[in-house]
N, C-alpha and C. Protein backbone atom coordinates (compact mmCIF):
# COMPACT_ATOMS: atom_id res chain seq x y z
N UNK A 1 0.85 -1.18 0.00
CA UNK A 1 0.00 0.00 0.00
C UNK A 1 0.90 1.24 0.00
N UNK A 2 0.52 2.24 -0.74
CA UNK A 2 1.31 3.46 -0.87
C UNK A 2 0.99 4.41 0.27
N UNK A 3 2.03 5.07 0.78
CA UNK A 3 1.85 5.95 1.93
C UNK A 3 2.16 7.41 1.58
N UNK A 4 1.61 8.29 2.39
CA UNK A 4 1.87 9.72 2.30
C UNK A 4 2.07 10.23 3.73
N UNK A 5 2.64 11.41 3.84
CA UNK A 5 2.69 12.09 5.12
C UNK A 5 1.45 12.96 5.23
N UNK A 6 0.78 12.88 6.36
CA UNK A 6 -0.36 13.76 6.64
C UNK A 6 0.05 14.68 7.79
N UNK A 7 -0.27 15.95 7.66
CA UNK A 7 -0.04 16.91 8.74
C UNK A 7 -1.41 17.34 9.25
N UNK A 8 -1.63 17.12 10.53
CA UNK A 8 -2.93 17.40 11.14
C UNK A 8 -3.04 18.89 11.47
N UNK A 9 -4.17 19.46 11.05
CA UNK A 9 -4.48 20.84 11.41
C UNK A 9 -5.51 20.87 12.54
N UNK A 10 -6.59 20.09 12.37
CA UNK A 10 -7.70 20.10 13.33
C UNK A 10 -7.96 18.67 13.81
N UNK A 11 -7.72 18.40 15.09
CA UNK A 11 -7.90 17.05 15.63
C UNK A 11 -9.37 16.64 15.73
N UNK A 12 -9.58 15.33 15.68
CA UNK A 12 -10.94 14.80 15.82
C UNK A 12 -11.50 15.17 17.19
N UNK A 13 -12.81 15.39 17.21
CA UNK A 13 -13.48 15.73 18.45
C UNK A 13 -13.39 17.20 18.84
N UNK A 14 -12.68 17.98 18.04
CA UNK A 14 -12.50 19.40 18.35
C UNK A 14 -13.47 20.26 17.55
N UNK A 15 -13.90 21.33 18.14
CA UNK A 15 -14.78 22.28 17.48
C UNK A 15 -14.04 23.52 17.05
N UNK A 16 -12.75 23.37 16.77
CA UNK A 16 -11.91 24.49 16.36
C UNK A 16 -11.26 24.14 15.03
N UNK A 17 -11.22 25.09 14.10
CA UNK A 17 -10.56 24.89 12.81
C UNK A 17 -9.25 25.66 12.83
N UNK A 18 -8.16 24.92 12.65
CA UNK A 18 -6.83 25.52 12.56
C UNK A 18 -6.35 25.40 11.12
N UNK A 19 -5.55 26.38 10.67
CA UNK A 19 -4.91 26.33 9.36
C UNK A 19 -3.42 26.55 9.56
N UNK A 20 -2.63 25.76 8.83
CA UNK A 20 -1.19 25.97 8.85
C UNK A 20 -0.85 27.17 7.97
N UNK A 21 -0.05 28.07 8.48
CA UNK A 21 0.40 29.24 7.74
C UNK A 21 1.90 29.11 7.48
N UNK A 22 2.26 28.74 6.25
CA UNK A 22 3.68 28.49 5.93
C UNK A 22 4.60 29.67 6.19
N UNK A 23 4.11 30.90 5.95
CA UNK A 23 4.98 32.06 6.12
C UNK A 23 5.36 32.29 7.58
N UNK A 24 4.50 31.94 8.51
CA UNK A 24 4.81 32.10 9.94
C UNK A 24 5.21 30.79 10.61
N UNK A 25 5.09 29.68 9.89
CA UNK A 25 5.44 28.35 10.42
C UNK A 25 4.64 28.01 11.67
N UNK A 26 3.36 28.39 11.66
CA UNK A 26 2.54 28.07 12.82
C UNK A 26 1.12 27.72 12.40
N UNK A 27 0.36 27.21 13.35
CA UNK A 27 -1.04 26.86 13.13
C UNK A 27 -1.89 27.95 13.75
N UNK A 28 -2.76 28.54 12.95
CA UNK A 28 -3.56 29.67 13.40
C UNK A 28 -5.01 29.22 13.57
N UNK A 29 -5.61 29.60 14.69
CA UNK A 29 -7.03 29.33 14.92
C UNK A 29 -7.82 30.18 13.95
N UNK A 30 -8.57 29.52 13.06
CA UNK A 30 -9.30 30.23 12.01
C UNK A 30 -10.78 30.43 12.34
N UNK A 31 -11.36 29.46 13.04
CA UNK A 31 -12.77 29.62 13.40
C UNK A 31 -13.13 28.64 14.50
N UNK A 32 -14.19 29.01 15.20
CA UNK A 32 -14.80 28.13 16.20
C UNK A 32 -16.10 27.65 15.58
N UNK A 33 -16.29 26.34 15.55
CA UNK A 33 -17.48 25.76 14.94
C UNK A 33 -18.68 25.96 15.86
N UNK A 34 -19.89 25.94 15.29
CA UNK A 34 -21.10 26.06 16.12
C UNK A 34 -21.16 24.93 17.15
N UNK A 35 -21.83 25.19 18.24
CA UNK A 35 -21.97 24.19 19.31
C UNK A 35 -22.47 22.87 18.73
N UNK A 36 -21.81 21.79 19.10
CA UNK A 36 -22.22 20.46 18.67
C UNK A 36 -21.56 19.99 17.39
N UNK A 37 -20.91 20.87 16.63
CA UNK A 37 -20.23 20.48 15.40
C UNK A 37 -18.75 20.30 15.69
N UNK A 38 -18.28 19.07 15.57
CA UNK A 38 -16.87 18.76 15.83
C UNK A 38 -16.32 17.90 14.69
N UNK A 39 -15.03 17.94 14.49
CA UNK A 39 -14.41 17.11 13.47
C UNK A 39 -14.55 15.64 13.86
N UNK A 40 -15.10 14.81 12.95
CA UNK A 40 -15.31 13.40 13.29
C UNK A 40 -14.00 12.61 13.33
N UNK A 41 -13.00 13.07 12.59
CA UNK A 41 -11.67 12.46 12.56
C UNK A 41 -10.67 13.58 12.37
N UNK A 42 -9.39 13.26 12.55
CA UNK A 42 -8.36 14.25 12.32
C UNK A 42 -8.44 14.76 10.88
N UNK A 43 -8.22 16.07 10.73
CA UNK A 43 -8.30 16.70 9.42
C UNK A 43 -7.03 17.49 9.19
N UNK A 44 -6.45 17.34 8.02
CA UNK A 44 -5.23 18.07 7.72
C UNK A 44 -4.96 18.10 6.24
N UNK A 45 -3.67 18.04 5.91
CA UNK A 45 -3.29 18.16 4.51
C UNK A 45 -2.10 17.27 4.19
N UNK A 46 -1.93 17.04 2.88
CA UNK A 46 -0.79 16.27 2.38
C UNK A 46 0.21 17.29 1.85
N UNK A 47 1.37 17.42 2.51
CA UNK A 47 2.34 18.44 2.09
C UNK A 47 2.88 18.18 0.69
N UNK A 48 3.33 19.26 0.06
CA UNK A 48 3.91 19.25 -1.29
C UNK A 48 2.90 18.84 -2.36
N UNK A 49 1.62 19.15 -2.10
CA UNK A 49 0.56 18.93 -3.07
C UNK A 49 -0.23 20.22 -3.22
N UNK A 50 -1.06 20.29 -4.26
CA UNK A 50 -1.91 21.46 -4.43
C UNK A 50 -3.20 21.03 -5.10
N UNK A 51 -4.32 21.38 -4.47
CA UNK A 51 -5.63 21.09 -5.04
C UNK A 51 -6.09 22.22 -5.93
N UNK A 52 -7.25 22.03 -6.54
CA UNK A 52 -7.81 23.03 -7.44
C UNK A 52 -8.08 24.35 -6.72
N UNK A 53 -8.31 24.27 -5.39
CA UNK A 53 -8.58 25.49 -4.62
C UNK A 53 -7.30 26.25 -4.26
N UNK A 54 -6.13 25.72 -4.68
CA UNK A 54 -4.86 26.39 -4.41
C UNK A 54 -4.18 25.96 -3.12
N UNK A 55 -4.91 25.25 -2.27
CA UNK A 55 -4.36 24.76 -1.00
C UNK A 55 -3.82 23.34 -1.18
N UNK A 56 -2.97 22.88 -0.24
CA UNK A 56 -2.57 21.48 -0.28
C UNK A 56 -3.81 20.58 -0.20
N UNK A 57 -3.70 19.36 -0.74
CA UNK A 57 -4.82 18.43 -0.72
C UNK A 57 -5.25 18.11 0.71
N UNK A 58 -6.57 18.07 0.91
CA UNK A 58 -7.14 17.77 2.22
C UNK A 58 -7.10 16.28 2.49
N UNK A 59 -6.87 15.92 3.76
CA UNK A 59 -6.87 14.52 4.15
C UNK A 59 -7.62 14.36 5.47
N UNK A 60 -8.44 13.32 5.53
CA UNK A 60 -9.14 12.92 6.75
C UNK A 60 -8.44 11.65 7.22
N UNK A 61 -7.91 11.68 8.44
CA UNK A 61 -7.17 10.54 8.98
C UNK A 61 -8.06 9.78 9.95
N UNK A 62 -8.44 8.57 9.54
CA UNK A 62 -9.31 7.71 10.34
C UNK A 62 -8.43 6.93 11.30
N UNK A 63 -8.60 7.19 12.60
CA UNK A 63 -7.72 6.60 13.60
C UNK A 63 -8.41 6.47 14.94
N UNK A 64 -7.86 5.62 15.78
CA UNK A 64 -8.42 5.42 17.11
C UNK A 64 -7.76 6.29 18.18
N UNK A 65 -6.68 6.99 17.84
CA UNK A 65 -5.97 7.76 18.86
C UNK A 65 -6.01 9.25 18.57
N UNK A 66 -5.94 10.06 19.61
CA UNK A 66 -5.97 11.50 19.41
C UNK A 66 -4.61 12.02 18.95
N UNK A 67 -4.63 13.10 18.17
CA UNK A 67 -3.39 13.77 17.80
C UNK A 67 -3.53 15.24 18.17
N UNK A 68 -2.78 16.09 17.50
CA UNK A 68 -2.75 17.51 17.84
C UNK A 68 -2.35 18.29 16.59
N UNK A 69 -2.65 19.59 16.54
CA UNK A 69 -2.22 20.39 15.39
C UNK A 69 -0.71 20.31 15.21
N UNK A 70 -0.29 19.99 13.99
CA UNK A 70 1.13 19.88 13.69
C UNK A 70 1.67 18.47 13.72
N UNK A 71 0.87 17.53 14.19
CA UNK A 71 1.30 16.13 14.23
C UNK A 71 1.47 15.61 12.81
N UNK A 72 2.60 14.98 12.53
CA UNK A 72 2.87 14.37 11.22
C UNK A 72 2.72 12.87 11.33
N UNK A 73 1.98 12.28 10.40
CA UNK A 73 1.72 10.85 10.43
C UNK A 73 2.00 10.24 9.08
N UNK A 74 2.65 9.08 9.06
CA UNK A 74 2.75 8.30 7.83
C UNK A 74 1.46 7.51 7.71
N UNK A 75 0.77 7.71 6.59
CA UNK A 75 -0.56 7.11 6.41
C UNK A 75 -0.66 6.43 5.06
N UNK A 76 -1.52 5.42 5.00
CA UNK A 76 -1.84 4.83 3.71
C UNK A 76 -3.16 5.42 3.24
N UNK A 77 -3.21 5.78 1.98
CA UNK A 77 -4.43 6.31 1.37
C UNK A 77 -5.38 5.13 1.15
N UNK A 78 -6.60 5.26 1.68
CA UNK A 78 -7.58 4.18 1.51
C UNK A 78 -8.70 4.57 0.56
N UNK A 79 -8.71 5.81 0.11
CA UNK A 79 -9.74 6.25 -0.82
C UNK A 79 -9.86 7.76 -0.82
N UNK A 80 -10.91 8.21 -1.50
CA UNK A 80 -11.16 9.64 -1.60
C UNK A 80 -12.64 9.87 -1.82
N UNK A 81 -13.08 11.03 -1.37
CA UNK A 81 -14.42 11.51 -1.69
C UNK A 81 -14.21 12.66 -2.67
N UNK A 82 -14.53 12.42 -3.95
CA UNK A 82 -14.47 13.50 -4.92
C UNK A 82 -15.63 14.43 -4.61
N UNK A 83 -15.36 15.74 -4.62
CA UNK A 83 -16.41 16.69 -4.24
C UNK A 83 -16.22 18.03 -4.92
N UNK A 84 -17.33 18.70 -5.13
CA UNK A 84 -17.32 20.10 -5.55
C UNK A 84 -17.64 20.95 -4.34
N UNK A 85 -16.98 22.09 -4.26
CA UNK A 85 -17.25 23.04 -3.19
C UNK A 85 -17.59 24.37 -3.84
N UNK A 86 -18.77 24.90 -3.51
CA UNK A 86 -19.20 26.19 -4.04
C UNK A 86 -18.97 27.24 -2.97
N UNK A 87 -18.18 28.24 -3.34
CA UNK A 87 -17.82 29.31 -2.42
C UNK A 87 -18.97 30.30 -2.27
N UNK A 88 -18.83 31.22 -1.32
CA UNK A 88 -19.86 32.25 -1.09
C UNK A 88 -20.14 33.07 -2.34
N UNK A 89 -19.10 33.29 -3.17
CA UNK A 89 -19.26 34.10 -4.37
C UNK A 89 -19.86 33.32 -5.55
N UNK A 90 -20.18 32.04 -5.32
CA UNK A 90 -20.79 31.22 -6.36
C UNK A 90 -19.81 30.41 -7.18
N UNK A 91 -18.50 30.66 -7.00
CA UNK A 91 -17.49 29.91 -7.75
C UNK A 91 -17.43 28.47 -7.21
N UNK A 92 -17.42 27.51 -8.13
CA UNK A 92 -17.34 26.10 -7.75
C UNK A 92 -15.99 25.54 -8.16
N UNK A 93 -15.33 24.86 -7.21
CA UNK A 93 -14.04 24.21 -7.47
C UNK A 93 -14.10 22.79 -6.92
N UNK A 94 -13.28 21.92 -7.49
CA UNK A 94 -13.13 20.58 -6.93
C UNK A 94 -12.35 20.72 -5.63
N UNK A 95 -12.83 20.05 -4.59
CA UNK A 95 -12.15 20.09 -3.30
C UNK A 95 -12.33 18.72 -2.66
N UNK A 96 -11.58 17.74 -3.18
CA UNK A 96 -11.69 16.36 -2.72
C UNK A 96 -11.18 16.19 -1.30
N UNK A 97 -11.66 15.14 -0.65
CA UNK A 97 -11.18 14.75 0.68
C UNK A 97 -10.56 13.36 0.55
N UNK A 98 -9.26 13.28 0.79
CA UNK A 98 -8.58 12.00 0.76
C UNK A 98 -8.75 11.34 2.12
N UNK A 99 -8.95 10.04 2.13
CA UNK A 99 -9.11 9.29 3.37
C UNK A 99 -7.86 8.45 3.58
N UNK A 100 -7.37 8.46 4.82
CA UNK A 100 -6.13 7.76 5.13
C UNK A 100 -6.21 7.12 6.50
N UNK A 101 -5.34 6.12 6.71
CA UNK A 101 -5.22 5.44 8.00
C UNK A 101 -3.74 5.47 8.39
N UNK A 102 -3.42 5.85 9.62
CA UNK A 102 -2.02 5.87 10.05
C UNK A 102 -1.40 4.47 9.97
N UNK A 103 -0.17 4.41 9.55
CA UNK A 103 0.54 3.13 9.48
C UNK A 103 0.63 2.45 10.85
N UNK A 104 0.62 3.24 11.93
CA UNK A 104 0.77 2.67 13.28
C UNK A 104 -0.57 2.27 13.91
N UNK A 105 -1.67 2.50 13.21
CA UNK A 105 -2.98 2.17 13.76
C UNK A 105 -3.10 0.67 14.02
N UNK A 106 -3.64 0.32 15.18
CA UNK A 106 -3.92 -1.08 15.48
C UNK A 106 -5.37 -1.42 15.13
N UNK A 107 -6.29 -0.53 15.51
CA UNK A 107 -7.72 -0.78 15.29
C UNK A 107 -8.07 -0.83 13.80
N UNK A 108 -7.40 -0.02 12.99
CA UNK A 108 -7.72 0.07 11.57
C UNK A 108 -6.62 -0.54 10.69
N UNK A 109 -5.78 -1.41 11.26
CA UNK A 109 -4.64 -1.94 10.51
C UNK A 109 -5.05 -2.80 9.32
N UNK A 110 -6.25 -3.35 9.34
CA UNK A 110 -6.72 -4.18 8.22
C UNK A 110 -7.48 -3.37 7.17
N UNK A 111 -7.66 -2.08 7.40
CA UNK A 111 -8.41 -1.23 6.46
C UNK A 111 -7.44 -0.73 5.39
N UNK A 112 -7.64 -1.19 4.16
CA UNK A 112 -6.78 -0.79 3.05
C UNK A 112 -7.54 -0.12 1.91
N UNK A 113 -8.86 -0.06 2.03
CA UNK A 113 -9.66 0.54 0.97
C UNK A 113 -10.92 1.13 1.58
N UNK A 114 -11.46 2.15 0.94
CA UNK A 114 -12.67 2.82 1.42
C UNK A 114 -13.81 1.82 1.61
N UNK A 115 -13.84 0.78 0.77
CA UNK A 115 -14.88 -0.24 0.88
C UNK A 115 -14.78 -1.06 2.16
N UNK A 116 -13.63 -1.04 2.82
CA UNK A 116 -13.44 -1.79 4.07
C UNK A 116 -13.99 -1.04 5.28
N UNK A 117 -14.23 0.27 5.12
CA UNK A 117 -14.83 1.06 6.21
C UNK A 117 -16.33 0.83 6.20
N UNK A 118 -16.95 0.78 7.37
CA UNK A 118 -18.42 0.74 7.38
C UNK A 118 -18.97 1.99 6.66
N UNK A 119 -19.99 1.79 5.85
CA UNK A 119 -20.55 2.89 5.04
C UNK A 119 -20.96 4.08 5.90
N UNK A 120 -21.43 3.81 7.13
CA UNK A 120 -21.88 4.93 7.97
C UNK A 120 -20.73 5.86 8.36
N UNK A 121 -19.50 5.36 8.38
CA UNK A 121 -18.36 6.21 8.69
C UNK A 121 -18.12 7.19 7.54
N UNK A 122 -18.17 6.71 6.31
CA UNK A 122 -17.98 7.58 5.15
C UNK A 122 -19.16 8.56 5.05
N UNK A 123 -20.36 8.07 5.33
CA UNK A 123 -21.54 8.96 5.36
C UNK A 123 -21.34 10.08 6.38
N UNK A 124 -20.82 9.72 7.55
CA UNK A 124 -20.59 10.70 8.61
C UNK A 124 -19.59 11.77 8.15
N UNK A 125 -18.54 11.36 7.47
CA UNK A 125 -17.53 12.30 6.98
C UNK A 125 -18.16 13.24 5.95
N UNK A 126 -18.91 12.67 5.01
CA UNK A 126 -19.56 13.51 3.99
C UNK A 126 -20.53 14.49 4.64
N UNK A 127 -21.34 14.02 5.58
CA UNK A 127 -22.31 14.89 6.24
C UNK A 127 -21.64 15.98 7.06
N UNK A 128 -20.52 15.66 7.69
CA UNK A 128 -19.78 16.68 8.43
C UNK A 128 -19.39 17.82 7.49
N UNK A 129 -18.79 17.49 6.34
CA UNK A 129 -18.33 18.53 5.44
C UNK A 129 -19.48 19.30 4.80
N UNK A 130 -20.63 18.65 4.60
CA UNK A 130 -21.81 19.38 4.13
C UNK A 130 -22.21 20.42 5.18
N UNK A 131 -22.33 19.99 6.44
CA UNK A 131 -22.73 20.90 7.52
C UNK A 131 -21.68 21.98 7.78
N UNK A 132 -20.42 21.60 7.79
CA UNK A 132 -19.32 22.53 8.03
C UNK A 132 -19.34 23.65 6.99
N UNK A 133 -19.50 23.27 5.71
CA UNK A 133 -19.52 24.28 4.65
C UNK A 133 -20.79 25.11 4.68
N UNK A 134 -21.92 24.48 4.99
CA UNK A 134 -23.19 25.21 5.06
C UNK A 134 -23.13 26.33 6.09
N UNK A 135 -22.54 26.05 7.26
CA UNK A 135 -22.47 27.09 8.29
C UNK A 135 -21.54 28.23 7.89
N UNK A 136 -20.69 27.98 6.87
CA UNK A 136 -19.79 29.04 6.38
C UNK A 136 -20.36 29.70 5.13
N UNK A 137 -21.60 29.37 4.77
CA UNK A 137 -22.22 29.97 3.59
C UNK A 137 -21.77 29.36 2.28
N UNK A 138 -21.20 28.14 2.34
CA UNK A 138 -20.72 27.45 1.15
C UNK A 138 -21.51 26.15 0.97
N UNK A 139 -21.22 25.45 -0.13
CA UNK A 139 -21.88 24.18 -0.37
C UNK A 139 -20.83 23.13 -0.70
N UNK A 140 -20.92 21.98 -0.05
CA UNK A 140 -20.04 20.84 -0.30
C UNK A 140 -20.90 19.74 -0.90
N UNK A 141 -20.54 19.32 -2.12
CA UNK A 141 -21.33 18.32 -2.83
C UNK A 141 -20.48 17.10 -3.17
N UNK A 142 -20.63 16.00 -2.40
CA UNK A 142 -19.90 14.77 -2.75
C UNK A 142 -20.35 14.27 -4.12
N UNK A 143 -19.38 13.87 -4.94
CA UNK A 143 -19.65 13.40 -6.29
C UNK A 143 -19.47 11.90 -6.44
N UNK A 144 -18.42 11.38 -5.80
CA UNK A 144 -18.07 9.97 -5.99
C UNK A 144 -17.13 9.52 -4.89
N UNK A 145 -17.25 8.25 -4.51
CA UNK A 145 -16.29 7.63 -3.58
C UNK A 145 -15.30 6.83 -4.42
N UNK A 146 -14.02 7.09 -4.19
CA UNK A 146 -12.96 6.53 -5.01
C UNK A 146 -12.16 5.52 -4.19
N UNK A 147 -11.83 4.41 -4.81
CA UNK A 147 -11.05 3.36 -4.15
C UNK A 147 -9.59 3.77 -3.97
N UNK A 148 -8.86 3.02 -3.16
CA UNK A 148 -7.51 3.37 -2.72
C UNK A 148 -6.53 3.66 -3.86
N UNK A 149 -6.36 2.75 -4.80
CA UNK A 149 -5.35 2.94 -5.83
C UNK A 149 -5.66 4.15 -6.70
N UNK A 150 -6.92 4.30 -7.10
CA UNK A 150 -7.30 5.45 -7.93
C UNK A 150 -7.08 6.75 -7.15
N UNK A 151 -7.42 6.74 -5.86
CA UNK A 151 -7.21 7.93 -5.03
C UNK A 151 -5.73 8.28 -4.96
N UNK A 152 -4.88 7.29 -4.72
CA UNK A 152 -3.44 7.56 -4.64
C UNK A 152 -2.94 8.12 -5.96
N UNK A 153 -3.45 7.58 -7.07
CA UNK A 153 -3.03 8.05 -8.39
C UNK A 153 -3.46 9.50 -8.65
N UNK A 154 -4.48 9.98 -7.93
CA UNK A 154 -4.95 11.36 -8.09
C UNK A 154 -4.01 12.37 -7.42
N UNK A 155 -3.14 11.90 -6.54
CA UNK A 155 -2.25 12.79 -5.79
C UNK A 155 -1.01 13.11 -6.64
N UNK A 156 -0.80 14.40 -6.87
CA UNK A 156 0.40 14.84 -7.60
C UNK A 156 1.26 15.64 -6.63
N UNK A 157 2.48 15.21 -6.49
CA UNK A 157 3.42 15.88 -5.59
C UNK A 157 4.24 16.91 -6.34
N UNK A 158 4.41 18.09 -5.71
CA UNK A 158 5.24 19.14 -6.28
C UNK A 158 6.68 18.91 -5.87
N UNK A 159 7.60 19.49 -6.62
CA UNK A 159 9.02 19.37 -6.26
C UNK A 159 9.39 20.25 -5.11
């Protein structure tokens, strides 16, 4: 299975959104989510990549242990949720969510493909991003669930 490094910005269970700011080399608190809305799993990015929105590719890390902003994890890509995101100004861009499992995970060590996750977990991730974007005046529209190899092939690394 092919691995990537994931850098966590917002840990699972937290109602705070952090963004890494390369120019200051720190994680900045960007927003506090509405009461009851928390990240279902760790959320971060794959360094040395760039999505259509200009940011590094987003990654959701499915794991049994807590991490923290700035934590780097070697993860295997298990799939992706292809999605369109419509901004407040009406512009729509692709903003996929890659799904990964840490190499050191014990609970999820047998999970190698999105199809191995219970469907309700992927539903939960999709619903979180729909609600998260809605509260920000945007729209998140899942298009397709992609299997592990195809998802990994979608990742282009910059030099």
